[in-house]
């Protein structure tokens, strides 16, 4: 997050909250896909 915040300025608390929510949601999408990806890898190794 440090790099994402570099040269970023917020005018109010709502802007900070929006930034943090968007930053977390960006990574959450990839994290949510991990179990499915792991299952695919396990299935391929069983072959």
PDB file of N, CA and C in Angstrom:
ATOM      1  N   UNK A   1       0.829  -1.185   0.000  1.00  0.00           N
ATOM      2  CA  UNK A   1       0.000   0.000   0.000  1.00  0.00           C
ATOM      3  C   UNK A   1       0.873   1.248   0.000  1.00  0.00           C
ATOM      4  N   UNK A   2       2.063   1.138   0.528  1.00  0.00           N
ATOM      5  CA  UNK A   2       2.955   2.294   0.597  1.00  0.00           C
ATOM      6  C   UNK A   2       3.186   2.898  -0.782  1.00  0.00           C
ATOM      7  N   UNK A   3       3.419   2.055  -1.782  1.00  0.00           N
ATOM      8  CA  UNK A   3       3.657   2.569  -3.132  1.00  0.00           C
ATOM      9  C   UNK A   3       2.392   3.195  -3.715  1.00  0.00           C
ATOM     10  N   UNK A   4       1.250   2.611  -3.394  1.00  0.00           N
ATOM     11  CA  UNK A   4      -0.010   3.155  -3.898  1.00  0.00           C
ATOM     12  C   UNK A   4      -0.299   4.526  -3.296  1.00  0.00           C
ATOM     13  N   UNK A   5       0.205   4.756  -2.099  1.00  0.00           N
ATOM     14  CA  UNK A   5      -0.042   6.030  -1.422  1.00  0.00           C
ATOM     15  C   UNK A   5       0.959   7.115  -1.789  1.00  0.00           C
ATOM     16  N   UNK A   6       2.019   6.722  -2.456  1.00  0.00           N
ATOM     17  CA  UNK A   6       3.053   7.689  -2.816  1.00  0.00           C
ATOM     18  C   UNK A   6       2.449   8.816  -3.655  1.00  0.00           C
ATOM     19  N   UNK A   7       2.683  10.026  -3.265  1.00  0.00           N
ATOM     20  CA  UNK A   7       2.178  11.223  -3.953  1.00  0.00           C
ATOM     21  C   UNK A   7       0.655  11.306  -3.978  1.00  0.00           C
ATOM     22  N   UNK A   8      -0.015  10.630  -3.059  1.00  0.00           N
ATOM     23  CA  UNK A   8      -1.470  10.683  -2.975  1.00  0.00           C
ATOM     24  C   UNK A   8      -1.865  11.590  -1.817  1.00  0.00           C
ATOM     25  N   UNK A   9      -2.830  12.444  -2.069  1.00  0.00           N
ATOM     26  CA  UNK A   9      -3.301  13.368  -1.043  1.00  0.00           C
ATOM     27  C   UNK A   9      -4.817  13.229  -0.925  1.00  0.00           C
ATOM     28  N   UNK A  10      -5.304  13.286   0.287  1.00  0.00           N
ATOM     29  CA  UNK A  10      -6.734  13.164   0.542  1.00  0.00           C
ATOM     30  C   UNK A  10      -7.233  14.459   1.166  1.00  0.00           C
ATOM     31  N   UNK A  11      -8.412  14.859   0.748  1.00  0.00           N
ATOM     32  CA  UNK A  11      -9.005  16.082   1.284  1.00  0.00           C
ATOM     33  C   UNK A  11      -9.896  15.820   2.488  1.00  0.00           C
ATOM     34  N   UNK A  12     -10.348  14.568   2.634  1.00  0.00           N
ATOM     35  CA  UNK A  12     -11.221  14.261   3.762  1.00  0.00           C
ATOM     36  C   UNK A  12     -11.183  12.763   4.065  1.00  0.00           C
ATOM     37  N   UNK A  13     -11.807  12.393   5.161  1.00  0.00           N
ATOM     38  CA  UNK A  13     -11.806  11.004   5.611  1.00  0.00           C
ATOM     39  C   UNK A  13     -12.514  10.090   4.616  1.00  0.00           C
ATOM     40  N   UNK A  14     -13.542  10.571   3.977  1.00  0.00           N
ATOM     41  CA  UNK A  14     -14.277   9.754   3.010  1.00  0.00           C
ATOM     42  C   UNK A  14     -13.378   9.340   1.849  1.00  0.00           C
ATOM     43  N   UNK A  15     -12.513  10.211   1.395  1.00  0.00           N
ATOM     44  CA  UNK A  15     -11.574   9.867   0.328  1.00  0.00           C
ATOM     45  C   UNK A  15     -10.597   8.786   0.786  1.00  0.00           C
ATOM     46  N   UNK A  16     -10.180   8.855   2.031  1.00  0.00           N
ATOM     47  CA  UNK A  16      -9.284   7.830   2.582  1.00  0.00           C
ATOM     48  C   UNK A  16      -9.998   6.488   2.614  1.00  0.00           C
ATOM     49  N   UNK A  17     -11.207   6.474   3.106  1.00  0.00           N
ATOM     50  CA  UNK A  17     -11.987   5.229   3.175  1.00  0.00           C
ATOM     51  C   UNK A  17     -12.196   4.631   1.795  1.00  0.00           C
ATOM     52  N   UNK A  18     -12.523   5.463   0.833  1.00  0.00           N
ATOM     53  CA  UNK A  18     -12.744   4.981  -0.531  1.00  0.00           C
ATOM     54  C   UNK A  18     -11.463   4.372  -1.093  1.00  0.00           C
ATOM     55  N   UNK A  19     -10.349   5.034  -0.879  1.00  0.00           N
ATOM     56  CA  UNK A  19      -9.072   4.529  -1.368  1.00  0.00           C
ATOM     57  C   UNK A  19      -8.759   3.164  -0.760  1.00  0.00           C
ATOM     58  N   UNK A  20      -8.904   3.052   0.553  1.00  0.00           N
ATOM     59  CA  UNK A  20      -8.594   1.793   1.241  1.00  0.00           C
ATOM     60  C   UNK A  20      -9.534   0.686   0.777  1.00  0.00           C
ATOM     61  N   UNK A  21     -10.818   0.975   0.651  1.00  0.00           N
ATOM     62  CA  UNK A  21     -11.780  -0.026   0.176  1.00  0.00           C
ATOM     63  C   UNK A  21     -11.418  -0.525  -1.216  1.00  0.00           C
ATOM     64  N   UNK A  22     -11.082   0.382  -2.113  1.00  0.00           N
ATOM     65  CA  UNK A  22     -10.727  -0.008  -3.475  1.00  0.00           C
ATOM     66  C   UNK A  22      -9.439  -0.821  -3.494  1.00  0.00           C
ATOM     67  N   UNK A  23      -8.487  -0.440  -2.668  1.00  0.00           N
ATOM     68  CA  UNK A  23      -7.207  -1.150  -2.608  1.00  0.00           C
ATOM     69  C   UNK A  23      -7.422  -2.577  -2.108  1.00  0.00           C
ATOM     70  N   UNK A  24      -8.212  -2.729  -1.050  1.00  0.00           N
ATOM     71  CA  UNK A  24      -8.496  -4.057  -0.496  1.00  0.00           C
ATOM     72  C   UNK A  24      -9.281  -4.894  -1.494  1.00  0.00           C
ATOM     73  N   UNK A  25     -10.278  -4.326  -2.130  1.00  0.00           N
ATOM     74  CA  UNK A  25     -11.094  -5.070  -3.090  1.00  0.00           C
ATOM     75  C   UNK A  25     -10.281  -5.553  -4.280  1.00  0.00           C
ATOM     76  N   UNK A  26      -9.295  -4.789  -4.693  1.00  0.00           N
ATOM     77  CA  UNK A  26      -8.434  -5.204  -5.800  1.00  0.00           C
ATOM     78  C   UNK A  26      -7.747  -6.526  -5.459  1.00  0.00           C
ATOM     79  N   UNK A  27      -7.191  -6.630  -4.275  1.00  0.00           N
ATOM     80  CA  UNK A  27      -6.483  -7.844  -3.870  1.00  0.00           C
ATOM     81  C   UNK A  27      -7.430  -8.955  -3.444  1.00  0.00           C
ATOM     82  N   UNK A  28      -8.584  -8.604  -2.913  1.00  0.00           N
ATOM     83  CA  UNK A  28      -9.550  -9.611  -2.471  1.00  0.00           C
ATOM     84  C   UNK A  28      -9.978 -10.505  -3.627  1.00  0.00           C
ATOM     85  N   UNK A  29     -10.146  -9.935  -4.800  1.00  0.00           N
ATOM     86  CA  UNK A  29     -10.548 -10.735  -5.958  1.00  0.00           C
ATOM     87  C   UNK A  29      -9.573 -11.865  -6.222  1.00  0.00           C
ATOM     88  N   UNK A  30      -8.292 -11.572  -6.202  1.00  0.00           N
ATOM     89  CA  UNK A  30      -7.278 -12.603  -6.423  1.00  0.00           C
ATOM     90  C   UNK A  30      -7.215 -13.596  -5.285  1.00  0.00           C
ATOM     91  N   UNK A  31      -7.346 -13.115  -4.075  1.00  0.00           N
ATOM     92  CA  UNK A  31      -7.309 -13.999  -2.912  1.00  0.00           C
ATOM     93  C   UNK A  31      -8.497 -14.954  -2.935  1.00  0.00           C
ATOM     94  N   UNK A  32      -9.663 -14.462  -3.308  1.00  0.00           N
ATOM     95  CA  UNK A  32     -10.856 -15.310  -3.365  1.00  0.00           C
ATOM     96  C   UNK A  32     -10.722 -16.420  -4.397  1.00  0.00           C
ATOM     97  N   UNK A  33      -9.918 -16.205  -5.427  1.00  0.00           N
ATOM     98  CA  UNK A  33      -9.732 -17.219  -6.470  1.00  0.00           C
ATOM     99  C   UNK A  33      -8.718 -18.291  -6.090  1.00  0.00           C
ATOM    100  N   UNK A  34      -7.946 -18.082  -5.052  1.00  0.00           N
ATOM    101  CA  UNK A  34      -6.887 -19.030  -4.694  1.00  0.00           C
ATOM    102  C   UNK A  34      -7.377 -20.456  -4.449  1.00  0.00           C
ATOM    103  N   UNK A  35      -8.427 -20.707  -3.677  1.00  0.00           N
ATOM    104  CA  UNK A  35      -8.849 -22.099  -3.463  1.00  0.00           C
ATOM    105  C   UNK A  35      -9.174 -22.829  -4.769  1.00  0.00           C
ATOM    106  N   UNK A  36      -9.833 -22.146  -5.682  1.00  0.00           N
ATOM    107  CA  UNK A  36     -10.164 -22.755  -6.976  1.00  0.00           C
ATOM    108  C   UNK A  36      -8.894 -23.082  -7.760  1.00  0.00           C
ATOM    109  N   UNK A  37      -7.942 -22.185  -7.746  1.00  0.00           N
ATOM    110  CA  UNK A  37      -6.680 -22.415  -8.452  1.00  0.00           C
ATOM    111  C   UNK A  37      -5.918 -23.575  -7.826  1.00  0.00           C
ATOM    112  N   UNK A  38      -5.910 -23.632  -6.500  1.00  0.00           N
ATOM    113  CA  UNK A  38      -5.217 -24.719  -5.807  1.00  0.00           C
ATOM    114  C   UNK A  38      -5.856 -26.063  -6.152  1.00  0.00           C
ATOM    115  N   UNK A  39      -7.194 -26.102  -6.198  1.00  0.00           N
ATOM    116  CA  UNK A  39      -7.888 -27.345  -6.547  1.00  0.00           C
ATOM    117  C   UNK A  39      -7.507 -27.806  -7.947  1.00  0.00           C
ATOM    118  N   UNK A  40      -7.410 -26.891  -8.892  1.00  0.00           N
ATOM    119  CA  UNK A  40      -7.017 -27.245 -10.255  1.00  0.00           C
ATOM    120  C   UNK A  40      -5.609 -27.826 -10.282  1.00  0.00           C
ATOM    121  N   UNK A  41      -4.710 -27.249  -9.522  1.00  0.00           N
ATOM    122  CA  UNK A  41      -3.333 -27.748  -9.472  1.00  0.00           C
ATOM    123  C   UNK A  41      -3.304 -29.144  -8.873  1.00  0.00           C
ATOM    124  N   UNK A  42      -4.049 -29.353  -7.803  1.00  0.00           N
ATOM    125  CA  UNK A  42      -4.092 -30.670  -7.159  1.00  0.00           C
ATOM    126  C   UNK A  42      -4.646 -31.706  -8.124  1.00  0.00           C
ATOM    127  N   UNK A  43      -5.706 -31.365  -8.847  1.00  0.00           N
ATOM    128  CA  UNK A  43      -6.299 -32.296  -9.810  1.00  0.00           C
ATOM    129  C   UNK A  43      -5.316 -32.642 -10.924  1.00  0.00           C
ATOM    130  N   UNK A  44      -4.575 -31.679 -11.413  1.00  0.00           N
ATOM    131  CA  UNK A  44      -3.597 -31.932 -12.472  1.00  0.00           C
ATOM    132  C   UNK A  44      -2.480 -32.842 -11.987  1.00  0.00           C
ATOM    133  N   UNK A  45      -2.089 -32.709 -10.735  1.00  0.00           N
ATOM    134  CA  UNK A  45      -1.005 -33.540 -10.197  1.00  0.00           C
ATOM    135  C   UNK A  45      -1.456 -34.973  -9.968  1.00  0.00           C
ATOM    136  N   UNK A  46      -2.761 -35.206  -9.852  1.00  0.00           N
ATOM    137  CA  UNK A  46      -3.282 -36.563  -9.666  1.00  0.00           C
ATOM    138  C   UNK A  46      -3.206 -37.366 -10.953  1.00  0.00           C
ATOM    139  N   UNK A  47      -3.131 -36.688 -12.087  1.00  0.00           N
ATOM    140  CA  UNK A  47      -3.089 -37.382 -13.372  1.00  0.00           C
ATOM    141  C   UNK A  47      -1.792 -38.062 -13.463  1.00  0.00           C
TER     142      UNK A  47
END
